[in-house]
Amino acid sequence: MTTVTLTSKGQLVIPKAIRTALHIRSGTRFTVTVDDGRIVLEPSISKSMQLGDWLPALQVRRSIDDAELLAPVDGYDE
């Protein structure tokens, strides 16, 4: 269990280990509710996702040589 402190401006810091485990990054919006005396934070699902939000997931994480890159195109007839 981790303890955090509420600042005078009403801010909390979510520990890095938790942010990493839940894939939370700067700018993530949350829905805040109270459930049986507990504060519940749930990441909001944005309906206006932009291409930049998806690019990291689409990036190739390994090197691809030219032959491998062009292989699916071989044999294509116009």
PDB file of N, CA and C in Angstrom:
ATOM      1  N   MET A   1       0.845  -1.174   0.000  1.00  0.00           N
ATOM      2  CA  MET A   1       0.000   0.000   0.000  1.00  0.00           C
ATOM      3  C   MET A   1       0.889   1.235   0.000  1.00  0.00           C
ATOM      4  N   THR A   2       0.531   2.203  -0.812  1.00  0.00           N
ATOM      5  CA  THR A   2       1.286   3.446  -0.923  1.00  0.00           C
ATOM      6  C   THR A   2       0.433   4.588  -0.381  1.00  0.00           C
ATOM      7  N   THR A   3       1.078   5.508   0.317  1.00  0.00           N
ATOM      8  CA  THR A   3       0.382   6.668   0.868  1.00  0.00           C
ATOM      9  C   THR A   3       0.775   7.907   0.077  1.00  0.00           C
ATOM     10  N   VAL A   4      -0.207   8.726  -0.279  1.00  0.00           N
ATOM     11  CA  VAL A   4       0.049   9.995  -0.953  1.00  0.00           C
ATOM     12  C   VAL A   4      -0.582  11.104  -0.134  1.00  0.00           C
ATOM     13  N   THR A   5      -0.167  12.341  -0.379  1.00  0.00           N
ATOM     14  CA  THR A   5      -0.663  13.484   0.383  1.00  0.00           C
ATOM     15  C   THR A   5      -1.370  14.464  -0.538  1.00  0.00           C
ATOM     16  N   LEU A   6      -2.519  14.941  -0.127  1.00  0.00           N
ATOM     17  CA  LEU A   6      -3.277  15.941  -0.865  1.00  0.00           C
ATOM     18  C   LEU A   6      -2.612  17.299  -0.663  1.00  0.00           C
ATOM     19  N   THR A   7      -2.330  18.035  -1.757  1.00  0.00           N
ATOM     20  CA  THR A   7      -1.707  19.345  -1.640  1.00  0.00           C
ATOM     21  C   THR A   7      -2.756  20.399  -1.287  1.00  0.00           C
ATOM     22  N   SER A   8      -2.283  21.595  -0.989  1.00  0.00           N
ATOM     23  CA  SER A   8      -3.205  22.689  -0.662  1.00  0.00           C
ATOM     24  C   SER A   8      -4.080  23.068  -1.852  1.00  0.00           C
ATOM     25  N   LYS A   9      -3.658  22.686  -3.065  1.00  0.00           N
ATOM     26  CA  LYS A   9      -4.444  22.951  -4.272  1.00  0.00           C
ATOM     27  C   LYS A   9      -5.368  21.787  -4.618  1.00  0.00           C
ATOM     28  N   GLY A  10      -5.430  20.762  -3.760  1.00  0.00           N
ATOM     29  CA  GLY A  10      -6.310  19.624  -3.999  1.00  0.00           C
ATOM     30  C   GLY A  10      -5.733  18.607  -4.970  1.00  0.00           C
ATOM     31  N   GLN A  11      -4.421  18.575  -5.127  1.00  0.00           N
ATOM     32  CA  GLN A  11      -3.781  17.671  -6.077  1.00  0.00           C
ATOM     33  C   GLN A  11      -3.167  16.470  -5.368  1.00  0.00           C
ATOM     34  N   LEU A  12      -3.188  15.336  -6.072  1.00  0.00           N
ATOM     35  CA  LEU A  12      -2.532  14.111  -5.603  1.00  0.00           C
ATOM     36  C   LEU A  12      -1.524  13.685  -6.659  1.00  0.00           C
ATOM     37  N   VAL A  13      -0.452  13.035  -6.226  1.00  0.00           N
ATOM     38  CA  VAL A  13       0.500  12.457  -7.167  1.00  0.00           C
ATOM     39  C   VAL A  13       0.268  10.953  -7.176  1.00  0.00           C
ATOM     40  N   ILE A  14      -0.010  10.421  -8.361  1.00  0.00           N
ATOM     41  CA  ILE A  14      -0.170   8.977  -8.500  1.00  0.00           C
ATOM     42  C   ILE A  14       1.239   8.405  -8.661  1.00  0.00           C
ATOM     43  N   PRO A  15       1.655   7.498  -7.799  1.00  0.00           N
ATOM     44  CA  PRO A  15       3.013   6.955  -7.867  1.00  0.00           C
ATOM     45  C   PRO A  15       3.349   6.361  -9.229  1.00  0.00           C
ATOM     46  N   LYS A  16       4.613   6.523  -9.642  1.00  0.00           N
ATOM     47  CA  LYS A  16       5.064   6.070 -10.956  1.00  0.00           C
ATOM     48  C   LYS A  16       4.778   4.597 -11.199  1.00  0.00           C
ATOM     49  N   ALA A  17       4.981   3.752 -10.206  1.00  0.00           N
ATOM     50  CA  ALA A  17       4.736   2.315 -10.394  1.00  0.00           C
ATOM     51  C   ALA A  17       3.280   2.052 -10.778  1.00  0.00           C
ATOM     52  N   ILE A  18       2.362   2.794 -10.192  1.00  0.00           N
ATOM     53  CA  ILE A  18       0.936   2.627 -10.504  1.00  0.00           C
ATOM     54  C   ILE A  18       0.640   3.184 -11.892  1.00  0.00           C
ATOM     55  N   ARG A  19       1.202   4.380 -12.213  1.00  0.00           N
ATOM     56  CA  ARG A  19       0.999   4.954 -13.553  1.00  0.00           C
ATOM     57  C   ARG A  19       1.509   4.017 -14.632  1.00  0.00           C
ATOM     58  N   THR A  20       2.665   3.425 -14.392  1.00  0.00           N
ATOM     59  CA  THR A  20       3.247   2.509 -15.371  1.00  0.00           C
ATOM     60  C   THR A  20       2.383   1.259 -15.528  1.00  0.00           C
ATOM     61  N   ALA A  21       1.969   0.682 -14.413  1.00  0.00           N
ATOM     62  CA  ALA A  21       1.177  -0.553 -14.457  1.00  0.00           C
ATOM     63  C   ALA A  21      -0.159  -0.345 -15.165  1.00  0.00           C
ATOM     64  N   LEU A  22      -0.736   0.841 -15.020  1.00  0.00           N
ATOM     65  CA  LEU A  22      -2.048   1.119 -15.611  1.00  0.00           C
ATOM     66  C   LEU A  22      -1.969   1.902 -16.917  1.00  0.00           C
ATOM     67  N   HIS A  23      -0.740   2.139 -17.406  1.00  0.00           N
ATOM     68  CA  HIS A  23      -0.521   2.874 -18.660  1.00  0.00           C
ATOM     69  C   HIS A  23      -1.170   4.256 -18.621  1.00  0.00           C
ATOM     70  N   ILE A  24      -1.003   4.941 -17.506  1.00  0.00           N
ATOM     71  CA  ILE A  24      -1.542   6.299 -17.344  1.00  0.00           C
ATOM     72  C   ILE A  24      -0.422   7.272 -17.658  1.00  0.00           C
ATOM     73  N   ARG A  25      -0.735   8.283 -18.470  1.00  0.00           N
ATOM     74  CA  ARG A  25       0.290   9.265 -18.824  1.00  0.00           C
ATOM     75  C   ARG A  25      -0.229  10.681 -18.569  1.00  0.00           C
ATOM     76  N   SER A  26       0.639  11.630 -18.721  1.00  0.00           N
ATOM     77  CA  SER A  26       0.275  13.026 -18.531  1.00  0.00           C
ATOM     78  C   SER A  26      -0.886  13.387 -19.447  1.00  0.00           C
ATOM     79  N   GLY A  27      -1.862  14.082 -18.928  1.00  0.00           N
ATOM     80  CA  GLY A  27      -3.023  14.487 -19.720  1.00  0.00           C
ATOM     81  C   GLY A  27      -4.184  13.526 -19.662  1.00  0.00           C
ATOM     82  N   THR A  28      -3.999  12.353 -19.031  1.00  0.00           N
ATOM     83  CA  THR A  28      -5.100  11.398 -18.903  1.00  0.00           C
ATOM     84  C   THR A  28      -6.208  12.030 -18.065  1.00  0.00           C
ATOM     85  N   ARG A  29      -7.427  11.946 -18.541  1.00  0.00           N
ATOM     86  CA  ARG A  29      -8.575  12.484 -17.806  1.00  0.00           C
ATOM     87  C   ARG A  29      -9.213  11.356 -17.007  1.00  0.00           C
ATOM     88  N   PHE A  30      -9.757  11.696 -15.842  1.00  0.00           N
ATOM     89  CA  PHE A  30     -10.355  10.707 -14.956  1.00  0.00           C
ATOM     90  C   PHE A  30     -11.784  11.082 -14.602  1.00  0.00           C
ATOM     91  N   THR A  31     -12.594  10.062 -14.396  1.00  0.00           N
ATOM     92  CA  THR A  31     -13.916  10.231 -13.809  1.00  0.00           C
ATOM     93  C   THR A  31     -13.723   9.975 -12.315  1.00  0.00           C
ATOM     94  N   VAL A  32     -14.231  10.896 -11.480  1.00  0.00           N
ATOM     95  CA  VAL A  32     -14.071  10.772 -10.029  1.00  0.00           C
ATOM     96  C   VAL A  32     -15.441  10.523  -9.418  1.00  0.00           C
ATOM     97  N   THR A  33     -15.557   9.437  -8.658  1.00  0.00           N
ATOM     98  CA  THR A  33     -16.812   9.110  -7.980  1.00  0.00           C
ATOM     99  C   THR A  33     -16.518   8.709  -6.543  1.00  0.00           C
ATOM    100  N   VAL A  34     -17.564   8.657  -5.746  1.00  0.00           N
ATOM    101  CA  VAL A  34     -17.454   8.183  -4.367  1.00  0.00           C
ATOM    102  C   VAL A  34     -18.250   6.893  -4.276  1.00  0.00           C
ATOM    103  N   ASP A  35     -17.629   5.855  -3.724  1.00  0.00           N
ATOM    104  CA  ASP A  35     -18.265   4.550  -3.602  1.00  0.00           C
ATOM    105  C   ASP A  35     -18.042   4.036  -2.192  1.00  0.00           C
ATOM    106  N   ASP A  36     -19.106   4.010  -1.388  1.00  0.00           N
ATOM    107  CA  ASP A  36     -19.033   3.506  -0.020  1.00  0.00           C
ATOM    108  C   ASP A  36     -17.916   4.185   0.780  1.00  0.00           C
ATOM    109  N   GLY A  37     -17.836   5.520   0.662  1.00  0.00           N
ATOM    110  CA  GLY A  37     -16.846   6.283   1.417  1.00  0.00           C
ATOM    111  C   GLY A  37     -15.445   6.289   0.823  1.00  0.00           C
ATOM    112  N   ARG A  38     -15.283   5.730  -0.369  1.00  0.00           N
ATOM    113  CA  ARG A  38     -13.977   5.704  -1.043  1.00  0.00           C
ATOM    114  C   ARG A  38     -14.004   6.601  -2.272  1.00  0.00           C
ATOM    115  N   ILE A  39     -12.865   7.202  -2.569  1.00  0.00           N
ATOM    116  CA  ILE A  39     -12.719   7.983  -3.791  1.00  0.00           C
ATOM    117  C   ILE A  39     -12.274   7.015  -4.884  1.00  0.00           C
ATOM    118  N   VAL A  40     -12.997   7.008  -5.996  1.00  0.00           N
ATOM    119  CA  VAL A  40     -12.673   6.112  -7.107  1.00  0.00           C
ATOM    120  C   VAL A  40     -12.280   6.953  -8.316  1.00  0.00           C
ATOM    121  N   LEU A  41     -11.080   6.733  -8.839  1.00  0.00           N
ATOM    122  CA  LEU A  41     -10.599   7.403 -10.048  1.00  0.00           C
ATOM    123  C   LEU A  41     -10.579   6.384 -11.173  1.00  0.00           C
ATOM    124  N   GLU A  42     -11.256   6.691 -12.272  1.00  0.00           N
ATOM    125  CA  GLU A  42     -11.252   5.799 -13.429  1.00  0.00           C
ATOM    126  C   GLU A  42     -10.874   6.612 -14.654  1.00  0.00           C
ATOM    127  N   PRO A  43      -9.887   6.138 -15.430  1.00  0.00           N
ATOM    128  CA  PRO A  43      -9.532   6.862 -16.650  1.00  0.00           C
ATOM    129  C   PRO A  43     -10.752   6.989 -17.559  1.00  0.00           C
ATOM    130  N   SER A  44     -10.979   8.198 -18.060  1.00  0.00           N
ATOM    131  CA  SER A  44     -12.087   8.437 -18.988  1.00  0.00           C
ATOM    132  C   SER A  44     -11.681   7.962 -20.365  1.00  0.00           C
ATOM    133  N   ILE A  45     -12.623   7.424 -21.101  1.00  0.00           N
ATOM    134  CA  ILE A  45     -12.366   7.018 -22.474  1.00  0.00           C
ATOM    135  C   ILE A  45     -12.709   8.196 -23.365  1.00  0.00           C
ATOM    136  N   SER A  46     -11.707   8.679 -24.056  1.00  0.00           N
ATOM    137  CA  SER A  46     -11.895   9.831 -24.932  1.00  0.00           C
ATOM    138  C   SER A  46     -12.517   9.379 -26.244  1.00  0.00           C
ATOM    139  N   LYS A  47     -13.567  10.061 -26.663  1.00  0.00           N
ATOM    140  CA  LYS A  47     -14.215   9.713 -27.921  1.00  0.00           C
ATOM    141  C   LYS A  47     -13.513  10.381 -29.101  1.00  0.00           C
ATOM    142  N   SER A  48     -12.664  11.346 -28.810  1.00  0.00           N
ATOM    143  CA  SER A  48     -11.991  12.061 -29.898  1.00  0.00           C
ATOM    144  C   SER A  48     -10.511  11.674 -29.952  1.00  0.00           C
ATOM    145  N   MET A  49     -10.265  10.386 -30.173  1.00  0.00           N
ATOM    146  CA  MET A  49      -8.893   9.915 -30.295  1.00  0.00           C
ATOM    147  C   MET A  49      -8.302  10.469 -31.591  1.00  0.00           C
ATOM    148  N   GLN A  50      -7.056  10.865 -31.523  1.00  0.00           N
ATOM    149  CA  GLN A  50      -6.380  11.395 -32.682  1.00  0.00           C
ATOM    150  C   GLN A  50      -5.323  10.400 -33.146  1.00  0.00           C
ATOM    151  N   LEU A  51      -4.864  10.561 -34.375  1.00  0.00           N
ATOM    152  CA  LEU A  51      -3.871   9.650 -34.927  1.00  0.00           C
ATOM    153  C   LEU A  51      -2.634   9.570 -34.034  1.00  0.00           C
ATOM    154  N   GLY A  52      -2.219  10.687 -33.469  1.00  0.00           N
ATOM    155  CA  GLY A  52      -1.045  10.717 -32.597  1.00  0.00           C
ATOM    156  C   GLY A  52      -1.196   9.837 -31.370  1.00  0.00           C
ATOM    157  N   ASP A  53      -2.414   9.593 -30.939  1.00  0.00           N
ATOM    158  CA  ASP A  53      -2.655   8.727 -29.784  1.00  0.00           C
ATOM    159  C   ASP A  53      -2.407   7.263 -30.124  1.00  0.00           C
ATOM    160  N   TRP A  54      -2.563   6.900 -31.387  1.00  0.00           N
ATOM    161  CA  TRP A  54      -2.414   5.511 -31.814  1.00  0.00           C
ATOM    162  C   TRP A  54      -1.024   5.194 -32.351  1.00  0.00           C
ATOM    163  N   LEU A  55      -0.273   6.209 -32.791  1.00  0.00           N
ATOM    164  CA  LEU A  55       1.012   5.962 -33.433  1.00  0.00           C
ATOM    165  C   LEU A  55       1.995   5.139 -32.611  1.00  0.00           C
ATOM    166  N   PRO A  56       2.168   5.394 -31.312  1.00  0.00           N
ATOM    167  CA  PRO A  56       3.124   4.571 -30.571  1.00  0.00           C
ATOM    168  C   PRO A  56       2.787   3.080 -30.622  1.00  0.00           C
ATOM    169  N   ALA A  57       1.527   2.736 -30.629  1.00  0.00           N
ATOM    170  CA  ALA A  57       1.131   1.329 -30.670  1.00  0.00           C
ATOM    171  C   ALA A  57       1.360   0.714 -32.046  1.00  0.00           C
ATOM    172  N   LEU A  58       1.406   1.547 -33.071  1.00  0.00           N
ATOM    173  CA  LEU A  58       1.564   1.049 -34.434  1.00  0.00           C
ATOM    174  C   LEU A  58       3.022   0.966 -34.881  1.00  0.00           C
ATOM    175  N   GLN A  59       3.917   1.566 -34.116  1.00  0.00           N
ATOM    176  CA  GLN A  59       5.319   1.597 -34.514  1.00  0.00           C
ATOM    177  C   GLN A  59       5.945   0.210 -34.464  1.00  0.00           C
ATOM    178  N   VAL A  60       6.791  -0.066 -35.445  1.00  0.00           N
ATOM    179  CA  VAL A  60       7.531  -1.323 -35.487  1.00  0.00           C
ATOM    180  C   VAL A  60       8.697  -1.208 -34.516  1.00  0.00           C
ATOM    181  N   ARG A  61       8.860  -2.186 -33.662  1.00  0.00           N
ATOM    182  CA  ARG A  61       9.877  -2.138 -32.621  1.00  0.00           C
ATOM    183  C   ARG A  61      11.160  -2.879 -32.999  1.00  0.00           C
ATOM    184  N   ARG A  62      11.281  -3.265 -34.260  1.00  0.00           N
ATOM    185  CA  ARG A  62      12.489  -3.980 -34.685  1.00  0.00           C
ATOM    186  C   ARG A  62      12.902  -3.473 -36.060  1.00  0.00           C
ATOM    187  N   SER A  63      14.123  -3.783 -36.449  1.00  0.00           N
ATOM    188  CA  SER A  63      14.618  -3.371 -37.760  1.00  0.00           C
ATOM    189  C   SER A  63      14.036  -4.271 -38.843  1.00  0.00           C
ATOM    190  N   ILE A  64      13.710  -3.666 -39.967  1.00  0.00           N
ATOM    191  CA  ILE A  64      13.212  -4.419 -41.112  1.00  0.00           C
ATOM    192  C   ILE A  64      14.106  -4.067 -42.295  1.00  0.00           C
ATOM    193  N   ASP A  65      14.690  -5.084 -42.931  1.00  0.00           N
ATOM    194  CA  ASP A  65      15.524  -4.804 -44.090  1.00  0.00           C
ATOM    195  C   ASP A  65      14.634  -4.620 -45.323  1.00  0.00           C
ATOM    196  N   ASP A  66      15.229  -4.084 -46.389  1.00  0.00           N
ATOM    197  CA  ASP A  66      14.460  -3.771 -47.598  1.00  0.00           C
ATOM    198  C   ASP A  66      13.765  -4.992 -48.190  1.00  0.00           C
ATOM    199  N   ALA A  67      14.449  -6.121 -48.188  1.00  0.00           N
ATOM    200  CA  ALA A  67      13.851  -7.337 -48.770  1.00  0.00           C
ATOM    201  C   ALA A  67      12.595  -7.741 -48.015  1.00  0.00           C
ATOM    202  N   GLU A  68      12.646  -7.683 -46.698  1.00  0.00           N
ATOM    203  CA  GLU A  68      11.478  -8.041 -45.888  1.00  0.00           C
ATOM    204  C   GLU A  68      10.353  -7.034 -46.076  1.00  0.00           C
ATOM    205  N   LEU A  69      10.731  -5.767 -46.200  1.00  0.00           N
ATOM    206  CA  LEU A  69       9.738  -4.716 -46.373  1.00  0.00           C
ATOM    207  C   LEU A  69       9.006  -4.853 -47.705  1.00  0.00           C
ATOM    208  N   LEU A  70       9.736  -5.241 -48.744  1.00  0.00           N
ATOM    209  CA  LEU A  70       9.138  -5.340 -50.072  1.00  0.00           C
ATOM    210  C   LEU A  70       8.548  -6.710 -50.378  1.00  0.00           C
ATOM    211  N   ALA A  71       8.824  -7.706 -49.564  1.00  0.00           N
ATOM    212  CA  ALA A  71       8.364  -9.070 -49.815  1.00  0.00           C
ATOM    213  C   ALA A  71       6.858  -9.177 -50.059  1.00  0.00           C
ATOM    214  N   PRO A  72       6.004  -8.550 -49.286  1.00  0.00           N
ATOM    215  CA  PRO A  72       4.562  -8.702 -49.528  1.00  0.00           C
ATOM    216  C   PRO A  72       4.124  -8.109 -50.873  1.00  0.00           C
ATOM    217  N   VAL A  73       4.941  -7.250 -51.479  1.00  0.00           N
ATOM    218  CA  VAL A  73       4.596  -6.594 -52.736  1.00  0.00           C
ATOM    219  C   VAL A  73       4.995  -7.451 -53.932  1.00  0.00           C
ATOM    220  N   ASP A  74       5.949  -8.366 -53.766  1.00  0.00           N
ATOM    221  CA  ASP A  74       6.395  -9.216 -54.872  1.00  0.00           C
ATOM    222  C   ASP A  74       5.216  -9.979 -55.467  1.00  0.00           C
ATOM    223  N   GLY A  75       5.159 -10.017 -56.800  1.00  0.00           N
ATOM    224  CA  GLY A  75       4.114 -10.772 -57.461  1.00  0.00           C
ATOM    225  C   GLY A  75       2.834  -9.988 -57.674  1.00  0.00           C
ATOM    226  N   TYR A  76       2.812  -8.744 -57.284  1.00  0.00           N
ATOM    227  CA  TYR A  76       1.611  -7.931 -57.448  1.00  0.00           C
ATOM    228  C   TYR A  76       1.483  -7.496 -58.903  1.00  0.00           C
ATOM    229  N   ASP A  77       0.373  -7.744 -59.518  1.00  0.00           N
ATOM    230  CA  ASP A  77       0.115  -7.326 -60.900  1.00  0.00           C
ATOM    231  C   ASP A  77      -0.902  -6.209 -60.886  1.00  0.00           C
ATOM    232  N   GLU A  78      -0.629  -5.206 -61.691  1.00  0.00           N
ATOM    233  CA  GLU A  78      -1.578  -4.076 -61.742  1.00  0.00           C
ATOM    234  C   GLU A  78      -2.719  -4.364 -62.645  1.00  0.00           C
TER     235      GLU A  78
END
